[in-house]
Amino acid sequence: MDRTQIALIIPVIILYLALFLTAIIDLARNWQTRKNPIIWLLVIIFINIFGPVIYLIFGRKEDEL
């Protein structure tokens, strides 16, 4: 890999880690009140980039309703 490729990949990795950590921390804080927390954990972990995004959009709204 040359420097250009690395420069393009690093922001994507940082964004993914930020989304992943935000989703995991939110799920851990609300583990008892969340519906199906194990399913949400599996979504966050196994659906790579889109898992945390799906959780943050749909998973967090369960508590607000």
Protein backbone atom coordinates (compact mmCIF):
# COMPACT_ATOMS: atom_id res chain seq x y z
CA MET A 1 0.00 0.00 0.00
CA ASP A 2 1.25 3.43 -0.79
CA ARG A 3 0.73 6.57 1.24
CA THR A 4 -2.30 7.70 -0.76
CA GLN A 5 -4.20 4.51 -0.02
CA ILE A 6 -3.30 4.67 3.66
CA ALA A 7 -4.39 8.31 3.80
CA LEU A 8 -7.79 7.31 2.40
CA ILE A 9 -8.28 4.32 4.70
CA ILE A 10 -7.33 5.94 8.03
CA PRO A 11 -10.36 8.32 8.23
CA VAL A 12 -12.72 5.44 7.44
CA ILE A 13 -11.18 3.31 10.20
CA ILE A 14 -11.39 6.19 12.70
CA LEU A 15 -15.04 6.82 11.79
CA TYR A 16 -15.86 3.12 12.14
CA LEU A 17 -14.17 2.89 15.55
CA ALA A 18 -15.98 5.99 16.78
CA LEU A 19 -19.37 4.61 15.67
CA PHE A 20 -18.57 1.15 17.05
CA LEU A 21 -17.49 2.45 20.46
CA THR A 22 -20.44 4.85 20.70
CA ALA A 23 -22.91 2.06 19.95
CA ILE A 24 -21.27 -0.41 22.36
CA ILE A 25 -21.10 2.15 25.19
CA ASP A 26 -24.74 3.17 24.69
CA LEU A 27 -25.86 -0.45 24.63
CA ALA A 28 -23.87 -1.24 27.79
CA ARG A 29 -25.33 1.75 29.65
CA ASN A 30 -28.88 0.80 28.72
CA TRP A 31 -28.52 -3.00 28.79
CA GLN A 32 -31.35 -3.54 31.31
CA THR A 33 -33.89 -1.28 29.59
CA ARG A 34 -33.10 -2.20 26.00
CA LYS A 35 -35.34 -4.68 24.17
CA ASN A 36 -33.34 -7.64 22.80
CA PRO A 37 -29.89 -6.38 23.86
CA ILE A 38 -28.11 -9.54 22.69
CA ILE A 39 -29.55 -9.18 19.19
CA TRP A 40 -28.41 -5.55 19.09
CA LEU A 41 -24.95 -6.60 20.27
CA LEU A 42 -24.73 -9.13 17.44
CA VAL A 43 -25.88 -6.52 14.92
CA ILE A 44 -23.25 -4.05 16.12
CA ILE A 45 -20.44 -6.59 16.03
CA PHE A 46 -21.18 -8.65 12.92
CA ILE A 47 -22.66 -6.16 10.47
CA ASN A 48 -19.40 -4.31 10.05
CA ILE A 49 -19.77 -0.63 9.20
CA PHE A 50 -23.55 -0.56 9.00
CA GLY A 51 -24.23 -2.39 12.30
CA PRO A 52 -23.42 0.53 14.59
CA VAL A 53 -25.28 2.91 12.29
CA ILE A 54 -28.37 0.68 12.31
CA TYR A 55 -28.23 0.48 16.10
CA LEU A 56 -27.82 4.23 16.55
CA ILE A 57 -30.74 4.96 14.21
CA PHE A 58 -33.22 2.25 15.21
CA GLY A 59 -32.01 0.73 18.49
CA ARG A 60 -31.88 3.92 20.50
CA LYS A 61 -35.42 4.95 19.52
CA GLU A 62 -36.95 1.99 21.36
CA ASP A 63 -36.45 3.73 24.71
CA GLU A 64 -37.86 7.04 23.53
CA LEU A 65 -41.24 5.60 22.53
